[in-house]
Amino acid sequence: MTDTAIINEVGLRDGLQNQPVPVSTDAKARIADALVNAGVRYLEPVSFVSPKAVPQMADAAALTERLPRRDDLHYTALVPNLKGYQLARDAGYPTVALVLSTTDTFNQRNLNMSLEQAAASCETILSAAREDGIATRTYISGAFACPYDGPVPVALTQSLAERMFAAGSDEVAIADTIGGGNPRQMKDIMAPLIREFGAGRFYVHLHDTRGLAAAMAWEAADLGVRRFDASLGGLGGCPFAPGATGNMATEDLVYLLESSGLKTGIDIQGLREAIALAAEATERPLGGRILSWMASQEKQGKTACLW
């Protein structure tokens, strides 16, 4: 247990991948600069995937060249297969994120593989990364519910996490890809895993489709998890997961954690510039609940006191 938490900003990747309006590399680079200026130190800006499958990620290599370079910044690239891993490695990413969905159907739609094939692919990538000295995080996608097959047994998510650790994954992220979980499920899944592997090896990745992301994030924090994904302004959605809406908004997660005594190092006021840039680039309104409250205070001529 510590008094600090890590927020990994996934807005440039998970946030943009499903947006219908093409976002330029220049716009993405400006958003990245604004995020860093706001105190974000962990970012997942790209995925090395087929540009035909995910056109918004076609500029992964070009954007990588435009990202801020500082010793205190930590970048991750999402990779769906061995080819994607090799591209991320050659682009210089020190950490890669892998994806393993919980059902055959979801893996087939997402990766064109069965569950067993996807697990074996992850094991191959993990072995290669270990040889190359690259850190790894494996996402158990659809950990609470599959967009095609419905609720997922707790034991299945746990067994896949255990398998990925056994294969050498440094971290595992429990991902509520469609926002179909609840705090009780979070506890049922995470508590035994934390007892076995320790809270420091887990991330939590939440979408806020049904309004429970904050409650689930706090349940994870209460269990000792200190690593979370979030997306500026609540951007998000998955091309291969019907019904998935945005991730938990970075600004709302910062407010939740900071107001509860956990330091994130991220300034909500600073995030507003990045959110404004993302809203302009995607041509849609963005912003979590805390921004609406701050705006209401400012309309009354008050200074929004956050904590």
C-alpha atoms as a PDB file:
ATOM      1  CA  MET A   1       0.000   0.000   0.000  1.00  0.00           C
ATOM      2  CA  THR A   2       1.374   3.389  -0.984  1.00  0.00           C
ATOM      3  CA  ASP A   3      -0.027   6.894  -1.230  1.00  0.00           C
ATOM      4  CA  THR A   4       0.726   7.191  -4.946  1.00  0.00           C
ATOM      5  CA  ALA A   5      -1.062   5.834  -7.992  1.00  0.00           C
ATOM      6  CA  ILE A   6      -0.083   5.509 -11.637  1.00  0.00           C
ATOM      7  CA  ILE A   7      -2.537   6.527 -14.340  1.00  0.00           C
ATOM      8  CA  ASN A   8      -1.653   5.231 -17.785  1.00  0.00           C
ATOM      9  CA  GLU A   9      -3.224   7.530 -20.375  1.00  0.00           C
ATOM     10  CA  VAL A  10      -4.699   5.453 -23.211  1.00  0.00           C
ATOM     11  CA  GLY A  11      -6.678   8.195 -24.948  1.00  0.00           C
ATOM     12  CA  LEU A  12      -4.405   8.434 -27.977  1.00  0.00           C
ATOM     13  CA  ARG A  13      -4.781   4.706 -28.592  1.00  0.00           C
ATOM     14  CA  ASP A  14      -7.945   3.251 -27.069  1.00  0.00           C
ATOM     15  CA  GLY A  15      -9.616   6.627 -27.076  1.00  0.00           C
ATOM     16  CA  LEU A  16      -9.110   7.326 -30.773  1.00  0.00           C
ATOM     17  CA  GLN A  17      -9.173   3.871 -32.358  1.00  0.00           C
ATOM     18  CA  ASN A  18     -12.949   3.817 -32.777  1.00  0.00           C
ATOM     19  CA  GLN A  19     -13.541   7.482 -33.625  1.00  0.00           C
ATOM     20  CA  PRO A  20     -15.190   8.065 -37.019  1.00  0.00           C
ATOM     21  CA  VAL A  21     -13.382  11.357 -37.714  1.00  0.00           C
ATOM     22  CA  PRO A  22      -9.760  10.822 -38.834  1.00  0.00           C
ATOM     23  CA  VAL A  23      -7.328  12.465 -36.417  1.00  0.00           C
ATOM     24  CA  SER A  24      -4.071  13.739 -37.879  1.00  0.00           C
ATOM     25  CA  THR A  25      -0.632  12.925 -36.566  1.00  0.00           C
ATOM     26  CA  ASP A  26      -0.110  16.624 -35.837  1.00  0.00           C
ATOM     27  CA  ALA A  27      -3.251  16.732 -33.681  1.00  0.00           C
ATOM     28  CA  LYS A  28      -2.213  13.594 -31.803  1.00  0.00           C
ATOM     29  CA  ALA A  29       1.243  15.053 -31.157  1.00  0.00           C
ATOM     30  CA  ARG A  30      -0.283  18.267 -29.772  1.00  0.00           C
ATOM     31  CA  ILE A  31      -2.534  16.231 -27.467  1.00  0.00           C
ATOM     32  CA  ALA A  32       0.471  14.220 -26.269  1.00  0.00           C
ATOM     33  CA  ASP A  33       2.375  17.423 -25.472  1.00  0.00           C
ATOM     34  CA  ALA A  34      -0.593  18.797 -23.525  1.00  0.00           C
ATOM     35  CA  LEU A  35      -0.973  15.564 -21.552  1.00  0.00           C
ATOM     36  CA  VAL A  36       2.689  15.620 -20.556  1.00  0.00           C
ATOM     37  CA  ASN A  37       2.391  19.284 -19.569  1.00  0.00           C
ATOM     38  CA  ALA A  38      -0.514  18.310 -17.309  1.00  0.00           C
ATOM     39  CA  GLY A  39       1.667  15.820 -15.462  1.00  0.00           C
ATOM     40  CA  VAL A  40       0.866  12.574 -17.283  1.00  0.00           C
ATOM     41  CA  ARG A  41       3.939  10.349 -17.214  1.00  0.00           C
ATOM     42  CA  TYR A  42       2.583   7.008 -18.480  1.00  0.00           C
ATOM     43  CA  LEU A  43       1.064   6.890 -21.973  1.00  0.00           C
ATOM     44  CA  GLU A  44      -0.103   4.253 -24.429  1.00  0.00           C
ATOM     45  CA  PRO A  45      -0.148   6.333 -27.616  1.00  0.00           C
ATOM     46  CA  VAL A  46      -0.244   3.709 -30.394  1.00  0.00           C
ATOM     47  CA  SER A  47      -1.031   0.178 -31.425  1.00  0.00           C
ATOM     48  CA  PHE A  48       0.839  -1.603 -34.190  1.00  0.00           C
ATOM     49  CA  VAL A  49      -2.137  -3.144 -35.939  1.00  0.00           C
ATOM     50  CA  SER A  50      -3.338  -3.518 -39.506  1.00  0.00           C
ATOM     51  CA  PRO A  51      -4.256  -0.052 -40.833  1.00  0.00           C
ATOM     52  CA  LYS A  52      -7.117  -1.693 -42.716  1.00  0.00           C
ATOM     53  CA  ALA A  53      -8.564  -2.991 -39.451  1.00  0.00           C
ATOM     54  CA  VAL A  54      -7.922   0.172 -37.395  1.00  0.00           C
ATOM     55  CA  PRO A  55      -7.291   3.153 -39.705  1.00  0.00           C
ATOM     56  CA  GLN A  56      -6.772   5.599 -36.816  1.00  0.00           C
ATOM     57  CA  MET A  57      -3.575   3.713 -35.884  1.00  0.00           C
ATOM     58  CA  ALA A  58      -2.049   3.788 -39.372  1.00  0.00           C
ATOM     59  CA  ASP A  59       0.393   6.514 -38.287  1.00  0.00           C
ATOM     60  CA  ALA A  60       1.788   4.619 -35.290  1.00  0.00           C
ATOM     61  CA  ALA A  61       5.397   4.882 -36.448  1.00  0.00           C
ATOM     62  CA  ALA A  62       5.045   8.523 -37.472  1.00  0.00           C
ATOM     63  CA  LEU A  63       3.445   9.518 -34.178  1.00  0.00           C
ATOM     64  CA  THR A  64       6.126   7.685 -32.232  1.00  0.00           C
ATOM     65  CA  GLU A  65       8.707   9.993 -33.770  1.00  0.00           C
ATOM     66  CA  ARG A  66       6.711  13.029 -32.583  1.00  0.00           C
ATOM     67  CA  LEU A  67       6.220  12.043 -28.948  1.00  0.00           C
ATOM     68  CA  PRO A  68       7.875  14.082 -26.163  1.00  0.00           C
ATOM     69  CA  ARG A  69      11.189  12.603 -25.046  1.00  0.00           C
ATOM     70  CA  ARG A  70      12.044  12.814 -21.363  1.00  0.00           C
ATOM     71  CA  ASP A  71      13.599  10.423 -18.887  1.00  0.00           C
ATOM     72  CA  ASP A  72      10.487  10.418 -16.700  1.00  0.00           C
ATOM     73  CA  LEU A  73       8.081   9.399 -19.473  1.00  0.00           C
ATOM     74  CA  HIS A  74       6.962   5.798 -19.878  1.00  0.00           C
ATOM     75  CA  TYR A  75       5.505   4.669 -23.206  1.00  0.00           C
ATOM     76  CA  THR A  76       3.683   1.459 -24.076  1.00  0.00           C
ATOM     77  CA  ALA A  77       2.592   0.180 -27.490  1.00  0.00           C
ATOM     78  CA  LEU A  78      -0.273  -2.263 -27.929  1.00  0.00           C
ATOM     79  CA  VAL A  79       0.579  -5.280 -30.112  1.00  0.00           C
ATOM     80  CA  PRO A  80      -1.952  -7.847 -31.379  1.00  0.00           C
ATOM     81  CA  ASN A  81       0.509 -10.404 -32.738  1.00  0.00           C
ATOM     82  CA  LEU A  82       4.186 -11.183 -33.281  1.00  0.00           C
ATOM     83  CA  LYS A  83       4.465  -8.865 -36.292  1.00  0.00           C
ATOM     84  CA  GLY A  84       3.030  -6.010 -34.256  1.00  0.00           C
ATOM     85  CA  TYR A  85       5.469  -6.814 -31.459  1.00  0.00           C
ATOM     86  CA  GLN A  86       8.413  -6.673 -33.859  1.00  0.00           C
ATOM     87  CA  LEU A  87       7.272  -3.271 -35.175  1.00  0.00           C
ATOM     88  CA  ALA A  88       6.950  -1.914 -31.624  1.00  0.00           C
ATOM     89  CA  ARG A  89      10.348  -3.312 -30.662  1.00  0.00           C
ATOM     90  CA  ASP A  90      11.986  -1.783 -33.722  1.00  0.00           C
ATOM     91  CA  ALA A  91      10.290   1.549 -32.967  1.00  0.00           C
ATOM     92  CA  GLY A  92      11.998   1.553 -29.571  1.00  0.00           C
ATOM     93  CA  TYR A  93       9.114   0.906 -27.194  1.00  0.00           C
ATOM     94  CA  PRO A  94      10.405  -0.297 -23.808  1.00  0.00           C
ATOM     95  CA  THR A  95       7.036  -1.875 -22.901  1.00  0.00           C
ATOM     96  CA  VAL A  96       4.455  -3.657 -25.006  1.00  0.00           C
ATOM     97  CA  ALA A  97       0.862  -4.516 -24.178  1.00  0.00           C
ATOM     98  CA  LEU A  98      -0.698  -7.761 -25.394  1.00  0.00           C
ATOM     99  CA  VAL A  99      -4.398  -8.608 -25.620  1.00  0.00           C
ATOM    100  CA  LEU A 100      -6.068 -11.895 -24.718  1.00  0.00           C
ATOM    101  CA  SER A 101      -9.857 -11.968 -24.716  1.00  0.00           C
ATOM    102  CA  THR A 102     -11.815 -14.355 -22.554  1.00  0.00           C
ATOM    103  CA  THR A 103     -13.895 -16.147 -25.210  1.00  0.00           C
ATOM    104  CA  ASP A 104     -13.404 -17.785 -28.582  1.00  0.00           C
ATOM    105  CA  THR A 105     -15.869 -15.389 -30.193  1.00  0.00           C
ATOM    106  CA  PHE A 106     -14.198 -12.227 -28.909  1.00  0.00           C
ATOM    107  CA  ASN A 107     -10.719 -13.445 -29.854  1.00  0.00           C
ATOM    108  CA  GLN A 108     -11.999 -14.395 -33.300  1.00  0.00           C
ATOM    109  CA  ARG A 109     -13.504 -10.933 -33.876  1.00  0.00           C
ATOM    110  CA  ASN A 110     -10.529  -9.091 -32.386  1.00  0.00           C
ATOM    111  CA  LEU A 111      -7.547 -11.178 -33.497  1.00  0.00           C
ATOM    112  CA  ASN A 112      -8.940 -13.755 -35.936  1.00  0.00           C
ATOM    113  CA  MET A 113      -7.851 -16.492 -33.534  1.00  0.00           C
ATOM    114  CA  SER A 114      -9.478 -18.915 -31.126  1.00  0.00           C
ATOM    115  CA  LEU A 115      -8.944 -18.419 -27.405  1.00  0.00           C
ATOM    116  CA  GLU A 116      -6.277 -21.129 -27.354  1.00  0.00           C
ATOM    117  CA  GLN A 117      -4.555 -19.717 -30.429  1.00  0.00           C
ATOM    118  CA  ALA A 118      -4.572 -16.218 -28.922  1.00  0.00           C
ATOM    119  CA  ALA A 119      -3.138 -17.504 -25.637  1.00  0.00           C
ATOM    120  CA  ALA A 120      -0.398 -19.368 -27.494  1.00  0.00           C
ATOM    121  CA  SER A 121       0.359 -16.230 -29.540  1.00  0.00           C
ATOM    122  CA  CYS A 122       0.705 -14.222 -26.325  1.00  0.00           C
ATOM    123  CA  GLU A 123       3.086 -16.833 -24.951  1.00  0.00           C
ATOM    124  CA  THR A 124       5.232 -16.574 -28.092  1.00  0.00           C
ATOM    125  CA  ILE A 125       5.371 -12.776 -27.831  1.00  0.00           C
ATOM    126  CA  LEU A 126       6.161 -12.922 -24.115  1.00  0.00           C
ATOM    127  CA  SER A 127       9.063 -15.245 -24.810  1.00  0.00           C
ATOM    128  CA  ALA A 128      10.411 -12.960 -27.541  1.00  0.00           C
ATOM    129  CA  ALA A 129      10.055  -9.883 -25.325  1.00  0.00           C
ATOM    130  CA  ARG A 130      11.897 -11.584 -22.502  1.00  0.00           C
ATOM    131  CA  GLU A 131      14.803 -12.347 -24.857  1.00  0.00           C
ATOM    132  CA  ASP A 132      14.769  -8.740 -26.124  1.00  0.00           C
ATOM    133  CA  GLY A 133      14.617  -7.203 -22.644  1.00  0.00           C
ATOM    134  CA  ILE A 134      11.244  -5.550 -23.252  1.00  0.00           C
ATOM    135  CA  ALA A 135       8.697  -5.263 -20.450  1.00  0.00           C
ATOM    136  CA  THR A 136       5.240  -6.755 -20.956  1.00  0.00           C
ATOM    137  CA  ARG A 137       1.669  -6.213 -19.835  1.00  0.00           C
ATOM    138  CA  THR A 138      -1.072  -8.614 -20.892  1.00  0.00           C
ATOM    139  CA  TYR A 139      -4.662  -7.419 -20.998  1.00  0.00           C
ATOM    140  CA  ILE A 140      -7.366  -9.918 -20.127  1.00  0.00           C
ATOM    141  CA  SER A 141     -10.021  -8.318 -22.308  1.00  0.00           C
ATOM    142  CA  GLY A 142     -13.678  -8.878 -21.591  1.00  0.00           C
ATOM    143  CA  ALA A 143     -12.673  -9.965 -18.091  1.00  0.00           C
ATOM    144  CA  PHE A 144     -16.162  -9.363 -16.699  1.00  0.00           C
ATOM    145  CA  ALA A 145     -18.375  -9.859 -19.736  1.00  0.00           C
ATOM    146  CA  CYS A 146     -17.949 -10.711 -23.409  1.00  0.00           C
ATOM    147  CA  PRO A 147     -19.766  -8.488 -25.933  1.00  0.00           C
ATOM    148  CA  TYR A 148     -20.859 -11.610 -27.822  1.00  0.00           C
ATOM    149  CA  ASP A 149     -21.231 -14.396 -25.253  1.00  0.00           C
ATOM    150  CA  GLY A 150     -22.297 -12.521 -22.135  1.00  0.00           C
ATOM    151  CA  PRO A 151     -21.063 -12.902 -18.534  1.00  0.00           C
ATOM    152  CA  VAL A 152     -17.621 -14.440 -18.040  1.00  0.00           C
ATOM    153  CA  PRO A 153     -16.937 -16.859 -15.150  1.00  0.00           C
ATOM    154  CA  VAL A 154     -14.592 -15.443 -12.528  1.00  0.00           C
ATOM    155  CA  ALA A 155     -12.476 -18.600 -12.657  1.00  0.00           C
ATOM    156  CA  LEU A 156     -11.852 -18.168 -16.401  1.00  0.00           C
ATOM    157  CA  THR A 157     -10.467 -14.644 -16.037  1.00  0.00           C
ATOM    158  CA  GLN A 158      -8.321 -15.762 -13.123  1.00  0.00           C
ATOM    159  CA  SER A 159      -6.966 -18.790 -14.984  1.00  0.00           C
ATOM    160  CA  LEU A 160      -5.986 -16.684 -18.005  1.00  0.00           C
ATOM    161  CA  ALA A 161      -4.202 -14.181 -15.754  1.00  0.00           C
ATOM    162  CA  GLU A 162      -2.343 -17.023 -14.062  1.00  0.00           C
ATOM    163  CA  ARG A 163      -1.379 -18.487 -17.427  1.00  0.00           C
ATOM    164  CA  MET A 164       0.036 -15.182 -18.640  1.00  0.00           C
ATOM    165  CA  PHE A 165       2.083 -14.734 -15.475  1.00  0.00           C
ATOM    166  CA  ALA A 166       3.396 -18.262 -15.892  1.00  0.00           C
ATOM    167  CA  ALA A 167       4.377 -17.388 -19.462  1.00  0.00           C
ATOM    168  CA  GLY A 168       6.451 -14.456 -18.206  1.00  0.00           C
ATOM    169  CA  SER A 169       4.159 -11.424 -18.385  1.00  0.00           C
ATOM    170  CA  ASP A 170       5.485  -8.744 -16.056  1.00  0.00           C
ATOM    171  CA  GLU A 171       2.015  -7.307 -15.460  1.00  0.00           C
ATOM    172  CA  VAL A 172      -1.571  -8.284 -16.114  1.00  0.00           C
ATOM    173  CA  ALA A 173      -4.375  -5.798 -16.744  1.00  0.00           C
ATOM    174  CA  ILE A 174      -7.922  -6.803 -15.849  1.00  0.00           C
ATOM    175  CA  ALA A 175     -10.008  -5.090 -18.521  1.00  0.00           C
ATOM    176  CA  ASP A 176     -13.732  -4.374 -18.428  1.00  0.00           C
ATOM    177  CA  THR A 177     -13.777  -3.806 -22.169  1.00  0.00           C
ATOM    178  CA  ILE A 178     -17.520  -3.226 -22.530  1.00  0.00           C
ATOM    179  CA  GLY A 179     -18.210  -1.708 -19.110  1.00  0.00           C
ATOM    180  CA  GLY A 180     -20.293  -4.687 -18.052  1.00  0.00           C
ATOM    181  CA  GLY A 181     -18.801  -5.392 -14.631  1.00  0.00           C
ATOM    182  CA  ASN A 182     -19.575  -4.338 -11.075  1.00  0.00           C
ATOM    183  CA  PRO A 183     -17.572  -3.796  -7.872  1.00  0.00           C
ATOM    184  CA  ARG A 184     -18.444  -7.215  -6.446  1.00  0.00           C
ATOM    185  CA  GLN A 185     -17.034  -8.903  -9.532  1.00  0.00           C
ATOM    186  CA  MET A 186     -13.906  -6.780  -9.244  1.00  0.00           C
ATOM    187  CA  LYS A 187     -13.354  -8.038  -5.712  1.00  0.00           C
ATOM    188  CA  ASP A 188     -14.144 -11.653  -6.619  1.00  0.00           C
ATOM    189  CA  ILE A 189     -11.672 -11.614  -9.507  1.00  0.00           C
ATOM    190  CA  MET A 190      -8.887  -9.529  -8.024  1.00  0.00           C
ATOM    191  CA  ALA A 191      -8.685 -10.506  -4.353  1.00  0.00           C
ATOM    192  CA  PRO A 192      -7.390 -14.076  -4.944  1.00  0.00           C
ATOM    193  CA  LEU A 193      -5.035 -12.939  -7.702  1.00  0.00           C
ATOM    194  CA  ILE A 194      -3.582 -10.213  -5.494  1.00  0.00           C
ATOM    195  CA  ARG A 195      -3.016 -12.694  -2.706  1.00  0.00           C
ATOM    196  CA  GLU A 196      -1.097 -14.910  -5.123  1.00  0.00           C
ATOM    197  CA  PHE A 197       0.855 -12.376  -7.176  1.00  0.00           C
ATOM    198  CA  GLY A 198       0.745  -9.071  -5.269  1.00  0.00           C
ATOM    199  CA  ALA A 199      -1.175  -5.922  -6.124  1.00  0.00           C
ATOM    200  CA  GLY A 200       1.850  -4.277  -7.750  1.00  0.00           C
ATOM    201  CA  ARG A 201       1.655  -6.529 -10.803  1.00  0.00           C
ATOM    202  CA  PHE A 202      -1.866  -5.521 -11.816  1.00  0.00           C
ATOM    203  CA  TYR A 203      -3.482  -2.799 -13.872  1.00  0.00           C
ATOM    204  CA  VAL A 204      -7.197  -2.134 -14.079  1.00  0.00           C
ATOM    205  CA  HIS A 205      -8.741  -0.956 -17.368  1.00  0.00           C
ATOM    206  CA  LEU A 206     -12.339   0.262 -17.161  1.00  0.00           C
ATOM    207  CA  HIS A 207     -14.981   1.496 -19.572  1.00  0.00           C
ATOM    208  CA  ASP A 208     -17.856   3.500 -18.137  1.00  0.00           C
ATOM    209  CA  THR A 209     -20.698   2.165 -20.285  1.00  0.00           C
ATOM    210  CA  ARG A 210     -23.059   1.605 -17.350  1.00  0.00           C
ATOM    211  CA  GLY A 211     -21.713   4.250 -14.981  1.00  0.00           C
ATOM    212  CA  LEU A 212     -19.865   1.920 -12.594  1.00  0.00           C
ATOM    213  CA  ALA A 213     -16.245   2.595 -13.577  1.00  0.00           C
ATOM    214  CA  ALA A 214     -15.528   4.873 -10.600  1.00  0.00           C
ATOM    215  CA  ALA A 215     -16.981   2.362  -8.137  1.00  0.00           C
ATOM    216  CA  MET A 216     -14.948  -0.431  -9.689  1.00  0.00           C
ATOM    217  CA  ALA A 217     -11.778   1.668  -9.714  1.00  0.00           C
ATOM    218  CA  TRP A 218     -12.182   2.396  -6.026  1.00  0.00           C
ATOM    219  CA  GLU A 219     -12.831  -1.283  -5.262  1.00  0.00           C
ATOM    220  CA  ALA A 220      -9.555  -2.107  -7.000  1.00  0.00           C
ATOM    221  CA  ALA A 221      -7.755   0.674  -5.116  1.00  0.00           C
ATOM    222  CA  ASP A 222      -9.175  -0.612  -1.843  1.00  0.00           C
ATOM    223  CA  LEU A 223      -7.689  -4.010  -2.682  1.00  0.00           C
ATOM    224  CA  GLY A 224      -4.284  -2.367  -3.142  1.00  0.00           C
ATOM    225  CA  VAL A 225      -4.137  -1.809  -6.904  1.00  0.00           C
ATOM    226  CA  ARG A 226      -2.256   1.352  -7.781  1.00  0.00           C
ATOM    227  CA  ARG A 227      -2.081   1.168 -11.571  1.00  0.00           C
ATOM    228  CA  PHE A 228      -4.989   2.253 -13.747  1.00  0.00           C
ATOM    229  CA  ASP A 229      -5.745   3.029 -17.374  1.00  0.00           C
ATOM    230  CA  ALA A 230      -7.873   6.045 -18.251  1.00  0.00           C
ATOM    231  CA  SER A 231      -8.675   8.197 -21.274  1.00  0.00           C
ATOM    232  CA  LEU A 232      -8.843  11.982 -21.442  1.00  0.00           C
ATOM    233  CA  GLY A 233     -12.376  13.288 -21.616  1.00  0.00           C
ATOM    234  CA  GLY A 234     -13.803   9.760 -21.495  1.00  0.00           C
ATOM    235  CA  LEU A 235     -12.778   8.952 -25.071  1.00  0.00           C
ATOM    236  CA  GLY A 236     -12.903   5.308 -26.025  1.00  0.00           C
ATOM    237  CA  GLY A 237     -14.582   2.351 -27.612  1.00  0.00           C
ATOM    238  CA  CYS A 238     -13.474  -0.820 -29.376  1.00  0.00           C
ATOM    239  CA  PRO A 239     -14.058  -1.584 -33.071  1.00  0.00           C
ATOM    240  CA  PHE A 240     -14.474  -5.261 -32.173  1.00  0.00           C
ATOM    241  CA  ALA A 241     -16.663  -4.901 -29.059  1.00  0.00           C
ATOM    242  CA  PRO A 242     -20.196  -3.723 -29.905  1.00  0.00           C
ATOM    243  CA  GLY A 243     -21.699  -1.564 -27.171  1.00  0.00           C
ATOM    244  CA  ALA A 244     -18.415  -0.494 -25.618  1.00  0.00           C
ATOM    245  CA  THR A 245     -18.355   3.218 -24.829  1.00  0.00           C
ATOM    246  CA  GLY A 246     -15.578   5.407 -23.508  1.00  0.00           C
ATOM    247  CA  ASN A 247     -12.986   4.604 -20.904  1.00  0.00           C
ATOM    248  CA  MET A 248     -13.197   6.106 -17.458  1.00  0.00           C
ATOM    249  CA  ALA A 249     -12.282   9.756 -17.948  1.00  0.00           C
ATOM    250  CA  THR A 250      -8.747  10.542 -16.824  1.00  0.00           C
ATOM    251  CA  GLU A 251      -9.896  13.703 -15.059  1.00  0.00           C
ATOM    252  CA  ASP A 252     -12.570  11.797 -13.088  1.00  0.00           C
ATOM    253  CA  LEU A 253     -10.076   9.125 -12.053  1.00  0.00           C
ATOM    254  CA  VAL A 254      -7.581  11.790 -10.979  1.00  0.00           C
ATOM    255  CA  TYR A 255     -10.290  13.433  -8.887  1.00  0.00           C
ATOM    256  CA  LEU A 256     -11.387  10.117  -7.348  1.00  0.00           C
ATOM    257  CA  LEU A 257      -7.867   9.127  -6.348  1.00  0.00           C
ATOM    258  CA  GLU A 258      -6.560  12.548  -5.303  1.00  0.00           C
ATOM    259  CA  SER A 259      -9.632  13.385  -3.222  1.00  0.00           C
ATOM    260  CA  SER A 260      -9.216  10.030  -1.477  1.00  0.00           C
ATOM    261  CA  GLY A 261      -5.578  10.643  -0.585  1.00  0.00           C
ATOM    262  CA  LEU A 262      -3.714   8.961  -3.450  1.00  0.00           C
ATOM    263  CA  LYS A 263      -1.301  11.172  -5.375  1.00  0.00           C
ATOM    264  CA  THR A 264      -1.277  10.960  -9.168  1.00  0.00           C
ATOM    265  CA  GLY A 265       0.914  13.915 -10.118  1.00  0.00           C
ATOM    266  CA  ILE A 266      -1.665  14.966 -12.718  1.00  0.00           C
ATOM    267  CA  ASP A 267      -3.259  18.414 -12.733  1.00  0.00           C
ATOM    268  CA  ILE A 268      -6.941  18.446 -13.728  1.00  0.00           C
ATOM    269  CA  GLN A 269      -6.730  22.073 -14.825  1.00  0.00           C
ATOM    270  CA  GLY A 270      -3.847  21.116 -17.072  1.00  0.00           C
ATOM    271  CA  LEU A 271      -5.858  18.263 -18.554  1.00  0.00           C
ATOM    272  CA  ARG A 272      -8.457  20.712 -19.795  1.00  0.00           C
ATOM    273  CA  GLU A 273      -6.164  21.884 -22.607  1.00  0.00           C
ATOM    274  CA  ALA A 274      -5.561  18.305 -23.763  1.00  0.00           C
ATOM    275  CA  ILE A 275      -9.293  17.552 -23.622  1.00  0.00           C
ATOM    276  CA  ALA A 276     -10.098  20.675 -25.621  1.00  0.00           C
ATOM    277  CA  LEU A 277      -7.595  19.637 -28.290  1.00  0.00           C
ATOM    278  CA  ALA A 278      -9.066  16.118 -28.399  1.00  0.00           C
ATOM    279  CA  ALA A 279     -12.595  17.498 -28.667  1.00  0.00           C
ATOM    280  CA  GLU A 280     -11.559  19.699 -31.580  1.00  0.00           C
ATOM    281  CA  ALA A 281      -9.767  16.816 -33.317  1.00  0.00           C
ATOM    282  CA  THR A 282     -12.640  14.340 -32.919  1.00  0.00           C
ATOM    283  CA  GLU A 283     -15.359  16.931 -33.544  1.00  0.00           C
ATOM    284  CA  ARG A 284     -17.341  15.857 -30.490  1.00  0.00           C
ATOM    285  CA  PRO A 285     -17.875  17.183 -26.955  1.00  0.00           C
ATOM    286  CA  LEU A 286     -15.686  15.560 -24.323  1.00  0.00           C
ATOM    287  CA  GLY A 287     -15.239  15.757 -20.586  1.00  0.00           C
ATOM    288  CA  GLY A 288     -15.897  13.815 -17.424  1.00  0.00           C
ATOM    289  CA  ARG A 289     -18.239  14.670 -14.607  1.00  0.00           C
ATOM    290  CA  ILE A 290     -15.673  16.694 -12.699  1.00  0.00           C
ATOM    291  CA  LEU A 291     -15.251  19.095 -15.622  1.00  0.00           C
ATOM    292  CA  SER A 292     -18.979  19.778 -15.696  1.00  0.00           C
ATOM    293  CA  TRP A 293     -18.889  20.607 -11.994  1.00  0.00           C
ATOM    294  CA  MET A 294     -15.851  22.856 -12.419  1.00  0.00           C
ATOM    295  CA  ALA A 295     -17.573  24.718 -15.256  1.00  0.00           C
ATOM    296  CA  SER A 296     -20.688  25.240 -13.129  1.00  0.00           C
ATOM    297  CA  GLN A 297     -18.576  26.737 -10.352  1.00  0.00           C
ATOM    298  CA  GLU A 298     -16.811  29.063 -12.751  1.00  0.00           C
ATOM    299  CA  LYS A 299     -20.118  30.290 -14.166  1.00  0.00           C
ATOM    300  CA  GLN A 300     -20.969  31.381 -10.632  1.00  0.00           C
ATOM    301  CA  GLY A 301     -17.698  33.270 -10.372  1.00  0.00           C
ATOM    302  CA  LYS A 302     -16.229  30.730  -7.976  1.00  0.00           C
ATOM    303  CA  THR A 303     -12.874  29.005  -7.997  1.00  0.00           C
ATOM    304  CA  ALA A 304     -13.400  25.261  -8.266  1.00  0.00           C
ATOM    305  CA  CYS A 305     -11.740  23.861  -5.126  1.00  0.00           C
ATOM    306  CA  LEU A 306     -11.035  20.237  -5.974  1.00  0.00           C
ATOM    307  CA  TRP A 307      -9.651  18.944  -2.655  1.00  0.00           C
END
